[in-house]
Amino acid sequence: MDKVRIGIIGIGNMGSGHCNTILKNQVPEMELAAVADLKETRRAWARENLPESVAVFEDGDALIESGLCDAVLVSTPHYEHPRLVIKALEHGIHALSEKPAGVYTKQVREMNEAAAGSNRVFAVMFNQRTNHVYRKMHELVHGGTLGAVKRVNWIITDWYRTQAYYDSGGWRATWEGEGGGVLLNQCPHNLDLLQWICGMPAKVQAFCHIGKWHDIEVEDDVTAYLEYPGGATGVFITTTGDAPGTNRFEITLEKGKLVCEEDKLTLFQLEVNEREYCFSTTEGFKKPEGHYITLETDGKNPQHAGVLEAFAGRILHGTPLVAEGAEGIHGLTLSNAMHLSSWLGKPIDIPFDEELFLQELNKRRASSKLKKNVKEVTFNTDSSYGSQTKL
């Protein structure tokens, strides 16, 4: 095999973008073999815009069973991600899941177990891990030269969405169709980066405001407080209702402070460890000395093409993935904990009761209403990603 024949299941906003990425030859070791979508309008788009060699199926199950593909990229509404990944693996097909890995951790845990029992490649589309700025933050925090993390603050409020966006699909922003709001749709990348760089907190307390800025039944404004095992604390704030928004990610460590904002990463490095300085200096007010350091990165930010290239590379050559599929459960654990905390009105320890979460989610699904008479639109997502650290 010199190229991976991939099938894309779900060719809406993201799936159609992935089609274009492959057809533009941005992933040389991959070829588009098939697509599938439940909507006839999207299948019609595929027949009109994709090469005749690309097979078009009415659903993902038929695509998987066709035998035309070595791998699939699952880009459907969230609840279907684990089911289709598991089916692909059972049919001996490699699987790449769009974010989030699923809606609830119990479902994703079952998917991870199925992947672990197969000999197929399983990956997740965490394309922001390819961004040179976030890779540098990961390198510095995990390198140990800056000491332990003391405080984390991420305000990510430039996820602005209009009512027209939410009205573009009947499944959008509903408990039954999407399983959540800003935490499940926009923030999986942020939550993944948060845990990838800073580790998993031990406790979460969150306030998730339902339809605060839009006519939707899920959260569009969230403030969460995090406690880490080593004593560090954090705050995570997000919304789809701010214009202009902010994307500022701060990590305070024992020997310095990293700030990522406006596509730039800065480091103020202390000359001594603050914890040692605090208990050894005779000064009452004087801060430890330090200086700004110019950080060098490789400047690379391949985004989705980078994830797809690495996926093909693992299949063909055994080279590393951008993100192992099993890692998708970590960011989802954070969003599930935030939801559960807000629903119950109390802090939630991690790990939490997965059955309790599912019970609470199902209560909301029972009264959820999929939208009718929607104005179906497929948006171009190209401007959402690129060279910027904006997500």
Protein backbone atom coordinates (compact mmCIF):
# COMPACT_ATOMS: atom_id res chain seq x y z
CA MET A 1 0.00 0.00 0.00
CA ASP A 2 1.49 3.34 -1.04
CA LYS A 3 -1.57 5.45 -0.19
CA VAL A 4 -4.29 5.19 2.43
CA ARG A 5 -7.77 5.03 0.90
CA ILE A 6 -9.89 7.08 3.29
CA GLY A 7 -13.64 7.44 3.60
CA ILE A 8 -15.16 10.49 5.26
CA ILE A 9 -18.38 9.90 7.17
CA GLY A 10 -20.29 13.16 7.52
CA ILE A 11 -19.57 15.86 4.94
CA GLY A 12 -21.00 18.94 6.61
CA ASN A 13 -18.87 21.86 7.78
CA MET A 14 -15.84 19.86 8.86
CA GLY A 15 -16.17 16.81 6.63
CA SER A 16 -16.36 18.84 3.42
CA GLY A 17 -13.30 20.76 4.57
CA HIS A 18 -11.41 17.49 5.04
CA CYS A 19 -12.45 16.43 1.52
CA ASN A 20 -10.90 19.60 0.12
CA THR A 21 -7.71 19.16 2.16
CA ILE A 22 -7.16 15.71 0.68
CA LEU A 23 -8.16 16.64 -2.86
CA LYS A 24 -5.72 19.58 -2.82
CA ASN A 25 -3.00 16.97 -2.21
CA GLN A 26 -2.08 18.43 1.15
CA VAL A 27 -1.81 14.83 2.42
CA PRO A 28 0.28 13.06 -0.28
CA GLU A 29 -0.04 9.59 1.24
CA MET A 30 -3.84 9.69 1.37
CA GLU A 31 -6.54 9.51 -1.28
CA LEU A 32 -10.26 10.15 -0.93
CA ALA A 33 -12.09 6.93 -1.78
CA ALA A 34 -15.60 7.48 -0.42
CA VAL A 35 -17.91 9.79 1.51
CA ALA A 36 -21.19 9.27 3.34
CA ASP A 37 -23.91 11.53 4.69
CA LEU A 38 -27.47 11.04 5.88
CA LYS A 39 -28.60 14.22 4.10
CA GLU A 40 -29.41 14.05 0.40
CA THR A 41 -28.35 17.70 0.01
CA ARG A 42 -24.82 16.82 1.12
CA ARG A 43 -24.70 13.72 -1.07
CA ALA A 44 -25.79 15.89 -4.00
CA TRP A 45 -22.96 18.28 -3.17
CA ALA A 46 -20.54 15.35 -3.20
CA ARG A 47 -21.74 14.08 -6.58
CA GLU A 48 -21.41 17.57 -8.05
CA ASN A 49 -18.10 18.61 -6.50
CA LEU A 50 -16.02 15.48 -5.87
CA PRO A 51 -14.26 13.35 -8.51
CA GLU A 52 -16.33 10.53 -10.04
CA SER A 53 -13.93 8.04 -8.47
CA VAL A 54 -15.23 8.97 -4.99
CA ALA A 55 -18.09 6.67 -3.99
CA VAL A 56 -21.06 8.29 -2.25
CA PHE A 57 -23.01 6.41 0.45
CA GLU A 58 -26.21 7.18 2.34
CA ASP A 59 -24.70 6.35 5.74
CA GLY A 60 -21.46 5.48 7.46
CA ASP A 61 -22.38 1.86 7.99
CA ALA A 62 -22.66 1.27 4.25
CA LEU A 63 -19.33 3.01 3.65
CA ILE A 64 -17.59 0.87 6.27
CA GLU A 65 -19.10 -2.33 4.88
CA SER A 66 -18.20 -1.45 1.27
CA GLY A 67 -14.59 -2.60 1.48
CA LEU A 68 -13.48 0.46 -0.47
CA CYS A 69 -11.57 2.10 2.40
CA ASP A 70 -8.49 1.35 4.46
CA ALA A 71 -9.47 4.04 6.98
CA VAL A 72 -12.35 6.31 7.92
CA LEU A 73 -12.61 9.81 9.31
CA VAL A 74 -15.77 10.14 11.42
CA SER A 75 -17.12 13.69 11.16
CA THR A 76 -20.76 13.18 12.17
CA PRO A 77 -22.77 14.66 15.06
CA HIS A 78 -21.05 13.78 18.32
CA TYR A 79 -23.11 10.87 19.64
CA GLU A 80 -22.23 8.78 16.58
CA HIS A 81 -18.45 9.10 16.87
CA PRO A 82 -17.84 6.09 19.17
CA ARG A 83 -20.34 3.78 17.44
CA LEU A 84 -18.89 4.35 13.99
CA VAL A 85 -15.28 4.14 15.21
CA ILE A 86 -16.03 0.81 16.91
CA LYS A 87 -17.75 -0.54 13.78
CA ALA A 88 -14.81 0.51 11.61
CA LEU A 89 -12.31 -1.18 13.92
CA GLU A 90 -14.42 -4.34 13.99
CA HIS A 91 -14.25 -4.39 10.18
CA GLY A 92 -10.45 -4.08 10.23
CA ILE A 93 -10.49 -0.42 9.22
CA HIS A 94 -8.30 2.28 10.78
CA ALA A 95 -10.28 5.11 12.41
CA LEU A 96 -9.80 8.84 12.98
CA SER A 97 -12.49 10.59 15.03
CA GLU A 98 -13.30 14.27 14.82
CA LYS A 99 -13.49 16.06 18.15
CA PRO A 100 -15.01 15.46 20.60
CA ALA A 101 -14.35 11.74 20.95
CA GLY A 102 -17.96 11.40 22.11
CA VAL A 103 -20.53 13.01 24.38
CA TYR A 104 -19.99 11.09 27.61
CA THR A 105 -16.96 9.29 29.00
CA LYS A 106 -18.65 5.91 29.49
CA GLN A 107 -19.31 5.79 25.75
CA VAL A 108 -15.75 6.85 24.92
CA ARG A 109 -14.25 4.38 27.39
CA GLU A 110 -16.00 1.56 25.50
CA MET A 111 -14.55 2.91 22.25
CA ASN A 112 -11.05 3.02 23.75
CA GLU A 113 -11.37 -0.58 24.94
CA ALA A 114 -12.43 -1.68 21.47
CA ALA A 115 -9.43 0.15 19.97
CA ALA A 116 -7.04 -1.40 22.47
CA GLY A 117 -8.30 -4.85 21.48
CA SER A 118 -7.78 -4.25 17.77
CA ASN A 119 -4.64 -4.04 15.68
CA ARG A 120 -5.84 -0.95 13.82
CA VAL A 121 -4.70 2.67 14.15
CA PHE A 122 -7.03 4.90 16.19
CA ALA A 123 -6.51 8.67 16.29
CA VAL A 124 -8.42 11.81 17.21
CA MET A 125 -8.52 15.13 15.35
CA PHE A 126 -6.80 17.41 17.87
CA ASN A 127 -5.31 19.61 15.18
CA GLN A 128 -4.41 22.42 17.59
CA ARG A 129 -1.65 20.19 18.97
CA THR A 130 0.15 20.86 15.68
CA ASN A 131 0.38 24.58 16.45
CA HIS A 132 4.01 25.53 17.16
CA VAL A 133 2.99 27.86 20.01
CA TYR A 134 1.09 25.20 21.95
CA ARG A 135 3.80 22.65 21.22
CA LYS A 136 6.34 25.06 22.73
CA MET A 137 4.18 25.54 25.83
CA HIS A 138 3.97 21.76 26.23
CA GLU A 139 7.74 21.46 25.85
CA LEU A 140 8.48 24.15 28.44
CA VAL A 141 5.98 22.98 31.05
CA HIS A 142 6.96 19.33 30.76
CA GLY A 143 10.67 20.07 30.46
CA GLY A 144 10.91 20.83 34.17
CA THR A 145 13.21 23.85 33.96
CA LEU A 146 10.40 26.19 35.06
CA GLY A 147 9.34 24.12 38.05
CA ALA A 148 5.84 23.06 38.97
CA VAL A 149 2.67 24.72 37.73
CA LYS A 150 1.11 27.07 40.31
CA ARG A 151 -1.76 28.70 38.46
CA VAL A 152 -3.57 28.34 35.13
CA ASN A 153 -5.90 30.89 33.55
CA TRP A 154 -7.48 30.54 30.14
CA ILE A 155 -10.08 32.99 28.93
CA ILE A 156 -11.19 31.82 25.51
CA THR A 157 -14.15 33.94 24.48
CA ASP A 158 -13.47 34.48 20.77
CA TRP A 159 -15.73 31.59 19.79
CA TYR A 160 -18.43 34.02 18.63
CA ARG A 161 -21.48 32.42 17.01
CA THR A 162 -24.71 33.98 15.71
CA GLN A 163 -28.25 32.65 16.01
CA ALA A 164 -28.03 31.81 12.30
CA TYR A 165 -25.21 29.39 13.09
CA TYR A 166 -27.29 27.60 15.71
CA ASP A 167 -30.31 27.54 13.38
CA SER A 168 -28.31 25.95 10.55
CA GLY A 169 -29.00 22.38 11.67
CA GLY A 170 -31.75 20.68 13.65
CA TRP A 171 -29.24 18.81 15.82
CA ARG A 172 -27.20 21.86 16.76
CA ALA A 173 -27.20 23.14 20.34
CA THR A 174 -29.60 20.45 21.61
CA TRP A 175 -29.02 17.85 24.30
CA GLU A 176 -30.36 15.06 22.09
CA GLY A 177 -28.57 16.09 18.91
CA GLU A 178 -25.25 17.51 20.10
CA GLY A 179 -25.00 16.65 23.78
CA GLY A 180 -23.92 20.11 24.88
CA GLY A 181 -22.99 23.58 23.72
CA VAL A 182 -19.74 25.50 23.75
CA LEU A 183 -17.98 22.83 25.84
CA LEU A 184 -18.85 20.03 23.39
CA ASN A 185 -18.60 21.87 20.09
CA GLN A 186 -16.11 24.73 20.27
CA CYS A 187 -13.93 23.92 23.30
CA PRO A 188 -12.77 20.31 22.90
CA HIS A 189 -9.51 21.69 21.47
CA ASN A 190 -9.00 24.05 24.40
CA LEU A 191 -9.84 21.40 26.99
CA ASP A 192 -7.49 18.94 25.30
CA LEU A 193 -4.68 21.49 25.24
CA LEU A 194 -5.36 22.43 28.84
CA GLN A 195 -4.88 18.86 30.07
CA TRP A 196 -2.13 18.05 27.54
CA ILE A 197 -0.02 20.98 28.72
CA CYS A 198 -1.00 21.36 32.39
CA GLY A 199 -2.28 17.89 33.35
CA MET A 200 -5.65 16.80 34.69
CA PRO A 201 -7.21 18.60 37.66
CA ALA A 202 -8.50 16.65 40.63
CA LYS A 203 -11.60 18.77 41.19
CA VAL A 204 -13.84 21.06 39.13
CA GLN A 205 -16.57 23.53 40.00
CA ALA A 206 -18.35 25.14 37.08
CA PHE A 207 -21.22 27.44 36.22
CA CYS A 208 -22.69 26.64 32.80
CA HIS A 209 -25.30 29.17 31.69
CA ILE A 210 -27.96 27.73 29.42
CA GLY A 211 -28.91 29.86 26.41
CA LYS A 212 -27.62 33.04 28.02
CA TRP A 213 -26.85 34.81 24.74
CA HIS A 214 -28.74 32.69 22.19
CA ASP A 215 -32.05 30.91 21.78
CA ILE A 216 -30.64 27.43 22.49
CA GLU A 217 -31.17 24.73 25.13
CA VAL A 218 -27.49 24.13 25.97
CA GLU A 219 -24.68 26.19 27.50
CA ASP A 220 -23.17 29.18 25.70
CA ASP A 221 -21.33 30.76 28.66
CA VAL A 222 -19.10 28.88 31.14
CA THR A 223 -16.86 29.78 34.08
CA ALA A 224 -15.01 26.92 35.76
CA TYR A 225 -12.62 26.67 38.71
CA LEU A 226 -10.01 23.88 38.74
CA GLU A 227 -7.93 22.33 41.53
CA TYR A 228 -4.86 20.23 40.65
CA PRO A 229 -3.33 17.39 42.68
CA GLY A 230 -0.13 19.34 43.40
CA GLY A 231 -1.97 22.38 44.76
CA ALA A 232 -2.20 24.46 41.59
CA THR A 233 -5.48 26.13 40.75
CA GLY A 234 -7.01 27.29 37.50
CA VAL A 235 -9.84 29.22 35.92
CA PHE A 236 -11.36 28.42 32.52
CA ILE A 237 -13.80 30.88 30.95
CA THR A 238 -15.51 30.52 27.59
CA THR A 239 -18.54 31.73 25.64
CA THR A 240 -19.94 32.06 22.12
CA GLY A 241 -21.54 35.40 22.96
CA ASP A 242 -18.63 37.88 23.23
CA ALA A 243 -17.61 40.28 20.47
CA PRO A 244 -14.80 41.02 20.41
CA GLY A 245 -13.58 37.99 22.28
CA THR A 246 -10.32 37.18 24.04
CA ASN A 247 -7.92 34.26 23.81
CA ARG A 248 -5.38 34.56 26.64
CA PHE A 249 -3.75 31.45 28.13
CA GLU A 250 -1.52 32.04 31.17
CA ILE A 251 0.52 29.46 33.06
CA THR A 252 2.33 30.59 36.21
CA LEU A 253 5.12 28.26 37.31
CA GLU A 254 7.63 28.31 40.16
CA LYS A 255 10.32 29.84 37.94
CA GLY A 256 8.36 31.91 35.47
CA LYS A 257 5.19 32.77 33.64
CA LEU A 258 4.05 31.81 30.14
CA VAL A 259 1.47 33.95 28.35
CA CYS A 260 -0.07 33.02 25.02
CA GLU A 261 -2.11 35.81 23.42
CA GLU A 262 -2.55 37.43 19.99
CA ASP A 263 -0.60 34.64 18.28
CA LYS A 264 2.44 35.30 20.49
CA LEU A 265 4.04 33.35 23.31
CA THR A 266 6.07 35.18 25.95
CA LEU A 267 8.05 33.89 28.92
CA PHE A 268 9.13 35.88 31.95
CA GLN A 269 11.71 33.68 33.67
CA LEU A 270 12.66 34.19 37.32
CA GLU A 271 16.30 33.98 38.35
CA VAL A 272 15.36 31.81 41.34
CA ASN A 273 12.54 29.48 42.25
CA GLU A 274 9.78 31.60 43.79
CA ARG A 275 8.99 28.96 46.42
CA GLU A 276 12.60 28.98 47.65
CA TYR A 277 12.84 32.78 47.41
CA CYS A 278 9.64 33.27 49.41
CA PHE A 279 11.04 31.51 52.48
CA SER A 280 14.67 32.59 52.22
CA THR A 281 14.61 36.34 51.48
CA THR A 282 14.61 38.90 54.26
CA GLU A 283 12.75 41.40 52.06
CA GLY A 284 9.05 41.90 52.72
CA PHE A 285 7.85 43.28 49.40
CA LYS A 286 10.60 42.71 46.85
CA LYS A 287 9.73 40.32 44.05
CA PRO A 288 12.32 37.86 42.76
CA GLU A 289 14.31 39.18 39.82
CA GLY A 290 13.67 37.94 36.31
CA HIS A 291 13.66 38.81 32.64
CA TYR A 292 11.75 38.18 29.44
CA ILE A 293 13.12 35.49 27.17
CA THR A 294 12.66 35.38 23.42
CA LEU A 295 11.26 31.97 22.57
CA GLU A 296 12.10 30.23 19.34
CA THR A 297 9.71 27.79 17.66
CA ASP A 298 9.79 25.97 14.36
CA GLY A 299 6.88 28.14 13.16
CA LYS A 300 4.96 25.15 11.81
CA ASN A 301 1.19 24.89 12.15
CA PRO A 302 -0.14 22.26 9.72
CA GLN A 303 -3.52 21.87 11.47
CA HIS A 304 -5.89 19.26 9.96
CA ALA A 305 -3.48 18.33 7.17
CA GLY A 306 -0.85 17.62 9.82
CA VAL A 307 -3.15 15.27 11.72
CA LEU A 308 -4.16 13.48 8.50
CA GLU A 309 -0.53 13.22 7.38
CA ALA A 310 0.48 11.71 10.73
CA PHE A 311 -2.50 9.31 10.58
CA ALA A 312 -1.41 8.07 7.16
CA GLY A 313 2.18 7.88 8.38
CA ARG A 314 1.26 5.65 11.31
CA ILE A 315 -0.71 3.31 9.03
CA LEU A 316 1.99 3.10 6.35
CA HIS A 317 5.23 3.51 8.33
CA GLY A 318 4.42 3.19 12.05
CA THR A 319 5.39 6.82 12.74
CA PRO A 320 3.85 8.86 15.63
CA LEU A 321 0.33 10.29 15.61
CA VAL A 322 -0.46 13.87 16.60
CA ALA A 323 -2.91 12.50 19.19
CA GLU A 324 -3.64 8.88 20.05
CA GLY A 325 -7.37 8.16 19.92
CA ALA A 326 -7.39 6.99 23.52
CA GLU A 327 -6.39 10.50 24.64
CA GLY A 328 -9.75 11.93 23.55
CA ILE A 329 -11.32 10.90 26.84
CA HIS A 330 -9.26 13.39 28.88
CA GLY A 331 -10.70 16.66 27.56
CA LEU A 332 -14.16 15.08 27.53
CA THR A 333 -13.69 14.20 31.20
CA LEU A 334 -13.19 17.91 31.88
CA SER A 335 -16.32 18.98 29.99
CA ASN A 336 -18.41 16.20 31.58
CA ALA A 337 -17.18 17.25 35.04
CA MET A 338 -18.04 20.89 34.31
CA HIS A 339 -21.54 19.97 33.17
CA LEU A 340 -22.13 17.70 36.14
CA SER A 341 -20.87 20.32 38.58
CA SER A 342 -23.22 22.93 37.13
CA TRP A 343 -26.18 20.55 37.05
CA LEU A 344 -25.70 19.46 40.67
CA GLY A 345 -24.49 22.83 41.95
CA LYS A 346 -21.39 21.50 43.69
CA PRO A 347 -17.69 20.67 43.11
CA ILE A 348 -17.00 17.40 41.28
CA ASP A 349 -14.00 15.19 41.97
CA ILE A 350 -12.19 13.60 39.03
CA PRO A 351 -12.71 10.74 38.33
CA PHE A 352 -16.47 11.17 38.76
CA ASP A 353 -19.45 8.81 38.71
CA GLU A 354 -19.95 8.13 34.99
CA GLU A 355 -23.36 6.51 35.55
CA LEU A 356 -24.57 9.57 37.45
CA PHE A 357 -23.42 11.83 34.62
CA LEU A 358 -25.25 9.72 32.06
CA GLN A 359 -28.43 9.76 34.17
CA GLU A 360 -28.32 13.55 34.37
CA LEU A 361 -27.57 13.88 30.66
CA ASN A 362 -30.45 11.58 29.78
CA LYS A 363 -32.84 13.70 31.85
CA ARG A 364 -32.01 16.60 29.57
CA ARG A 365 -32.14 14.49 26.44
CA ALA A 366 -35.66 13.36 27.39
CA SER A 367 -36.97 16.93 27.19
CA SER A 368 -34.71 18.00 24.33
CA LYS A 369 -36.30 19.26 21.14
CA LEU A 370 -34.56 18.93 17.80
CA LYS A 371 -35.20 22.05 15.75
CA LYS A 372 -37.73 21.98 12.93
CA ASN A 373 -37.94 24.23 9.90
CA VAL A 374 -34.25 25.03 10.13
CA LYS A 375 -32.43 26.90 7.40
CA GLU A 376 -29.80 24.33 6.57
CA VAL A 377 -26.41 25.87 5.86
CA THR A 378 -22.97 24.34 5.45
CA PHE A 379 -20.42 26.93 6.54
CA ASN A 380 -16.87 27.26 5.26
CA THR A 381 -14.61 26.66 8.27
CA ASP A 382 -11.30 27.60 6.62
CA SER A 383 -11.07 30.91 8.48
CA SER A 384 -11.47 29.16 11.85
CA TYR A 385 -7.98 27.65 11.61
CA GLY A 386 -4.66 28.56 10.11
CA SER A 387 -1.50 30.22 11.32
CA GLN A 388 -3.13 31.84 14.29
CA THR A 389 -3.38 30.49 17.81
CA LYS A 390 -6.99 31.57 17.74
CA LEU A 391 -9.10 28.44 17.65
